Amino acid sequence: MPPAHPFDPNKALWLAVLAEGDIHVVREIFRYIWREGRDCSSPECFAALCERIGLPDALQRIEDEDIRTRLRDNNERAVSIGVFGVPTFVVNEQIFWG
């Protein structure tokens, strides 16, 4: 578990968007937060995660309005199909939560 819950997931979400939802990157983000209990809101921990996934410049790149717009679009799409929590996955048009 992360050190605090609920926590601000925005940096991790922007990072996943930056990585184009690459399953390997998303898996590492989940491992980092949920298995290792790391705090992505900490600048040091976030920088370490970015290094781990091979995007050391991510801290600057997640500031791009394009990344934030894509996350907002993803959120709107999720709400429109009935997503109500995280983590949620859609496989073959079926929603899996938890």
N, C-alpha and C. Protein backbone atom coordinates (compact mmCIF):
# COMPACT_ATOMS: atom_id res chain seq x y z
N MET A 1 0.84 -1.19 0.00
CA MET A 1 0.00 0.00 0.00
C MET A 1 0.88 1.25 0.00
N PRO A 2 0.39 2.31 -0.61
CA PRO A 2 1.11 3.57 -0.53
C PRO A 2 1.13 4.06 0.92
N PRO A 3 2.06 4.95 1.26
CA PRO A 3 2.18 5.40 2.64
C PRO A 3 0.94 6.12 3.16
N ALA A 4 0.17 6.73 2.27
CA ALA A 4 -1.07 7.40 2.66
C ALA A 4 -2.13 7.06 1.63
N HIS A 5 -3.35 6.91 2.11
CA HIS A 5 -4.46 6.62 1.20
C HIS A 5 -5.68 7.31 1.73
N PRO A 6 -6.43 8.07 0.96
CA PRO A 6 -6.19 8.32 -0.46
C PRO A 6 -4.95 9.19 -0.68
N PHE A 7 -4.48 9.15 -1.91
CA PHE A 7 -3.31 9.94 -2.27
C PHE A 7 -3.58 10.61 -3.61
N ASP A 8 -2.77 11.60 -3.94
CA ASP A 8 -2.92 12.32 -5.19
C ASP A 8 -2.27 11.50 -6.31
N PRO A 9 -3.05 10.94 -7.22
CA PRO A 9 -2.50 10.09 -8.26
C PRO A 9 -2.08 10.82 -9.53
N ASN A 10 -2.22 12.15 -9.55
CA ASN A 10 -2.04 12.87 -10.80
C ASN A 10 -0.70 12.64 -11.47
N LYS A 11 0.40 12.72 -10.74
CA LYS A 11 1.71 12.53 -11.37
C LYS A 11 1.80 11.14 -12.01
N ALA A 12 1.33 10.13 -11.31
CA ALA A 12 1.37 8.77 -11.86
C ALA A 12 0.49 8.66 -13.09
N LEU A 13 -0.66 9.30 -13.06
CA LEU A 13 -1.56 9.27 -14.22
C LEU A 13 -0.96 10.01 -15.41
N TRP A 14 -0.38 11.18 -15.16
CA TRP A 14 0.25 11.91 -16.25
C TRP A 14 1.41 11.10 -16.82
N LEU A 15 2.13 10.40 -15.96
CA LEU A 15 3.24 9.57 -16.41
C LEU A 15 2.73 8.44 -17.30
N ALA A 16 1.64 7.81 -16.92
CA ALA A 16 1.06 6.74 -17.74
C ALA A 16 0.61 7.28 -19.10
N VAL A 17 0.03 8.48 -19.11
CA VAL A 17 -0.38 9.10 -20.38
C VAL A 17 0.84 9.41 -21.22
N LEU A 18 1.87 9.97 -20.60
CA LEU A 18 3.11 10.27 -21.32
C LEU A 18 3.68 9.01 -21.97
N ALA A 19 3.57 7.89 -21.29
CA ALA A 19 4.09 6.62 -21.80
C ALA A 19 3.12 5.93 -22.75
N GLU A 20 2.06 6.64 -23.15
CA GLU A 20 1.07 6.10 -24.08
C GLU A 20 0.38 4.85 -23.54
N GLY A 21 0.29 4.73 -22.22
CA GLY A 21 -0.39 3.58 -21.63
C GLY A 21 0.35 2.27 -21.82
N ASP A 22 1.64 2.34 -22.12
CA ASP A 22 2.44 1.13 -22.31
C ASP A 22 2.28 0.21 -21.09
N ILE A 23 1.88 -1.03 -21.34
CA ILE A 23 1.56 -1.96 -20.25
C ILE A 23 2.75 -2.18 -19.32
N HIS A 24 3.96 -2.18 -19.83
CA HIS A 24 5.13 -2.38 -18.99
C HIS A 24 5.34 -1.19 -18.05
N VAL A 25 5.12 0.00 -18.57
CA VAL A 25 5.25 1.20 -17.74
C VAL A 25 4.14 1.23 -16.70
N VAL A 26 2.91 0.97 -17.11
CA VAL A 26 1.79 0.97 -16.17
C VAL A 26 2.02 -0.06 -15.07
N ARG A 27 2.51 -1.22 -15.44
CA ARG A 27 2.81 -2.27 -14.45
C ARG A 27 3.85 -1.78 -13.44
N GLU A 28 4.89 -1.09 -13.92
CA GLU A 28 5.92 -0.58 -13.01
C GLU A 28 5.37 0.52 -12.09
N ILE A 29 4.50 1.36 -12.63
CA ILE A 29 3.87 2.39 -11.80
C ILE A 29 3.07 1.73 -10.68
N PHE A 30 2.27 0.72 -11.02
CA PHE A 30 1.47 0.01 -10.01
C PHE A 30 2.38 -0.68 -9.00
N ARG A 31 3.42 -1.32 -9.45
CA ARG A 31 4.34 -1.99 -8.52
C ARG A 31 4.96 -0.98 -7.57
N TYR A 32 5.39 0.12 -8.12
CA TYR A 32 6.07 1.16 -7.34
C TYR A 32 5.16 1.67 -6.23
N ILE A 33 3.91 1.96 -6.56
CA ILE A 33 2.98 2.53 -5.59
C ILE A 33 2.37 1.46 -4.69
N TRP A 34 1.82 0.40 -5.28
CA TRP A 34 0.99 -0.55 -4.52
C TRP A 34 1.79 -1.70 -3.92
N ARG A 35 2.82 -2.17 -4.59
CA ARG A 35 3.59 -3.28 -4.01
C ARG A 35 4.69 -2.75 -3.09
N GLU A 36 5.40 -1.70 -3.56
CA GLU A 36 6.53 -1.19 -2.80
C GLU A 36 6.13 -0.10 -1.80
N GLY A 37 4.91 0.43 -1.94
CA GLY A 37 4.45 1.44 -1.01
C GLY A 37 5.15 2.78 -1.12
N ARG A 38 5.54 3.14 -2.34
CA ARG A 38 6.27 4.40 -2.55
C ARG A 38 5.28 5.55 -2.75
N ASP A 39 5.74 6.76 -2.47
CA ASP A 39 4.92 7.96 -2.53
C ASP A 39 5.29 8.79 -3.75
N CYS A 40 4.47 8.72 -4.79
CA CYS A 40 4.76 9.45 -6.04
C CYS A 40 4.65 10.95 -5.90
N SER A 41 4.04 11.43 -4.83
CA SER A 41 3.94 12.88 -4.67
C SER A 41 5.26 13.47 -4.18
N SER A 42 6.13 12.65 -3.65
CA SER A 42 7.45 13.10 -3.24
C SER A 42 8.32 13.31 -4.48
N PRO A 43 8.96 14.47 -4.61
CA PRO A 43 9.80 14.71 -5.79
C PRO A 43 10.89 13.65 -5.98
N GLU A 44 11.50 13.21 -4.88
CA GLU A 44 12.57 12.22 -4.98
C GLU A 44 12.03 10.87 -5.46
N CYS A 45 10.92 10.45 -4.91
CA CYS A 45 10.34 9.16 -5.30
C CYS A 45 9.83 9.20 -6.73
N PHE A 46 9.24 10.32 -7.13
CA PHE A 46 8.76 10.42 -8.50
C PHE A 46 9.92 10.39 -9.48
N ALA A 47 11.00 11.10 -9.15
CA ALA A 47 12.19 11.08 -10.01
C ALA A 47 12.75 9.67 -10.14
N ALA A 48 12.75 8.93 -9.03
CA ALA A 48 13.25 7.55 -9.06
C ALA A 48 12.36 6.67 -9.94
N LEU A 49 11.05 6.87 -9.86
CA LEU A 49 10.13 6.11 -10.72
C LEU A 49 10.38 6.44 -12.19
N CYS A 50 10.55 7.71 -12.50
CA CYS A 50 10.81 8.12 -13.88
C CYS A 50 12.08 7.47 -14.41
N GLU A 51 13.11 7.43 -13.60
CA GLU A 51 14.36 6.76 -13.98
C GLU A 51 14.11 5.28 -14.23
N ARG A 52 13.37 4.65 -13.33
CA ARG A 52 13.11 3.21 -13.42
C ARG A 52 12.44 2.85 -14.74
N ILE A 53 11.50 3.68 -15.18
CA ILE A 53 10.76 3.33 -16.39
C ILE A 53 11.41 3.89 -17.66
N GLY A 54 12.55 4.55 -17.49
CA GLY A 54 13.28 5.03 -18.67
C GLY A 54 12.80 6.36 -19.21
N LEU A 55 12.15 7.16 -18.37
CA LEU A 55 11.71 8.49 -18.79
C LEU A 55 12.22 9.53 -17.78
N PRO A 56 13.55 9.71 -17.72
CA PRO A 56 14.11 10.60 -16.70
C PRO A 56 13.68 12.06 -16.84
N ASP A 57 13.23 12.46 -18.04
CA ASP A 57 12.80 13.84 -18.25
C ASP A 57 11.30 14.00 -18.06
N ALA A 58 10.64 13.00 -17.52
CA ALA A 58 9.18 13.01 -17.39
C ALA A 58 8.66 14.15 -16.53
N LEU A 59 9.41 14.54 -15.51
CA LEU A 59 8.93 15.61 -14.63
C LEU A 59 8.63 16.88 -15.41
N GLN A 60 9.48 17.21 -16.36
CA GLN A 60 9.23 18.38 -17.20
C GLN A 60 8.14 18.08 -18.23
N ARG A 61 8.16 16.90 -18.79
CA ARG A 61 7.23 16.57 -19.88
C ARG A 61 5.78 16.44 -19.41
N ILE A 62 5.55 16.05 -18.16
CA ILE A 62 4.16 15.94 -17.69
C ILE A 62 3.53 17.31 -17.49
N GLU A 63 4.32 18.36 -17.56
CA GLU A 63 3.79 19.72 -17.46
C GLU A 63 3.14 20.17 -18.77
N ASP A 64 3.39 19.46 -19.86
CA ASP A 64 2.82 19.83 -21.16
C ASP A 64 1.30 19.79 -21.10
N GLU A 65 0.69 20.82 -21.64
CA GLU A 65 -0.78 20.88 -21.65
C GLU A 65 -1.38 19.70 -22.41
N ASP A 66 -0.67 19.21 -23.42
CA ASP A 66 -1.16 18.06 -24.18
C ASP A 66 -1.36 16.84 -23.28
N ILE A 67 -0.44 16.58 -22.38
CA ILE A 67 -0.54 15.44 -21.47
C ILE A 67 -1.75 15.61 -20.56
N ARG A 68 -1.92 16.80 -20.03
CA ARG A 68 -3.04 17.07 -19.13
C ARG A 68 -4.37 17.00 -19.86
N THR A 69 -4.41 17.48 -21.09
CA THR A 69 -5.62 17.39 -21.90
C THR A 69 -5.97 15.94 -22.19
N ARG A 70 -4.97 15.15 -22.53
CA ARG A 70 -5.23 13.73 -22.81
C ARG A 70 -5.77 13.01 -21.58
N LEU A 71 -5.25 13.35 -20.38
CA LEU A 71 -5.77 12.73 -19.16
C LEU A 71 -7.22 13.16 -18.93
N ARG A 72 -7.53 14.44 -19.13
CA ARG A 72 -8.93 14.89 -18.98
C ARG A 72 -9.83 14.16 -19.97
N ASP A 73 -9.37 14.00 -21.20
CA ASP A 73 -10.16 13.26 -22.20
C ASP A 73 -10.36 11.81 -21.77
N ASN A 74 -9.31 11.20 -21.24
CA ASN A 74 -9.42 9.82 -20.74
C ASN A 74 -10.45 9.74 -19.61
N ASN A 75 -10.41 10.72 -18.70
CA ASN A 75 -11.37 10.74 -17.59
C ASN A 75 -12.80 10.85 -18.11
N GLU A 76 -13.01 11.76 -19.05
CA GLU A 76 -14.35 11.94 -19.61
C GLU A 76 -14.84 10.66 -20.29
N ARG A 77 -13.96 10.00 -21.01
CA ARG A 77 -14.33 8.74 -21.66
C ARG A 77 -14.67 7.68 -20.61
N ALA A 78 -13.86 7.60 -19.56
CA ALA A 78 -14.10 6.62 -18.50
C ALA A 78 -15.47 6.84 -17.85
N VAL A 79 -15.78 8.07 -17.53
CA VAL A 79 -17.08 8.37 -16.92
C VAL A 79 -18.20 7.99 -17.88
N SER A 80 -18.02 8.27 -19.16
CA SER A 80 -19.07 7.99 -20.13
C SER A 80 -19.35 6.50 -20.29
N ILE A 81 -18.37 5.64 -19.99
CA ILE A 81 -18.61 4.19 -20.11
C ILE A 81 -18.90 3.53 -18.77
N GLY A 82 -18.96 4.34 -17.70
CA GLY A 82 -19.39 3.80 -16.42
C GLY A 82 -18.29 3.44 -15.44
N VAL A 83 -17.07 3.89 -15.67
CA VAL A 83 -15.99 3.63 -14.72
C VAL A 83 -16.28 4.42 -13.45
N PHE A 84 -16.07 3.78 -12.29
CA PHE A 84 -16.37 4.45 -11.02
C PHE A 84 -15.24 4.39 -10.02
N GLY A 85 -14.10 3.83 -10.37
CA GLY A 85 -12.98 3.76 -9.45
C GLY A 85 -11.74 3.24 -10.15
N VAL A 86 -10.66 3.23 -9.40
CA VAL A 86 -9.40 2.75 -9.95
C VAL A 86 -8.85 1.65 -9.05
N PRO A 87 -8.10 0.75 -9.58
CA PRO A 87 -7.78 0.63 -11.01
C PRO A 87 -8.94 -0.02 -11.77
N THR A 88 -9.14 0.44 -12.96
CA THR A 88 -10.15 -0.11 -13.86
C THR A 88 -9.49 -0.41 -15.19
N PHE A 89 -9.85 -1.54 -15.76
CA PHE A 89 -9.35 -1.93 -17.07
C PHE A 89 -10.53 -2.30 -17.94
N VAL A 90 -10.41 -2.02 -19.22
CA VAL A 90 -11.43 -2.41 -20.18
C VAL A 90 -10.78 -3.41 -21.12
N VAL A 91 -11.35 -4.61 -21.16
CA VAL A 91 -10.85 -5.68 -22.02
C VAL A 91 -12.03 -6.21 -22.81
N ASN A 92 -11.91 -6.20 -24.13
CA ASN A 92 -12.99 -6.65 -25.00
C ASN A 92 -14.31 -5.98 -24.62
N GLU A 93 -14.22 -4.67 -24.39
CA GLU A 93 -15.38 -3.82 -24.07
C GLU A 93 -16.05 -4.20 -22.75
N GLN A 94 -15.40 -4.96 -21.89
CA GLN A 94 -15.92 -5.30 -20.57
C GLN A 94 -15.06 -4.61 -19.52
N ILE A 95 -15.71 -4.00 -18.53
CA ILE A 95 -15.02 -3.24 -17.49
C ILE A 95 -14.66 -4.15 -16.33
N PHE A 96 -13.39 -4.08 -15.92
CA PHE A 96 -12.90 -4.82 -14.73
C PHE A 96 -12.38 -3.78 -13.76
N TRP A 97 -12.83 -3.86 -12.52
CA TRP A 97 -12.43 -2.90 -11.50
C TRP A 97 -11.81 -3.61 -10.32
N GLY A 98 -10.80 -2.97 -9.74
CA GLY A 98 -10.23 -3.47 -8.49
C GLY A 98 -8.94 -4.22 -8.65
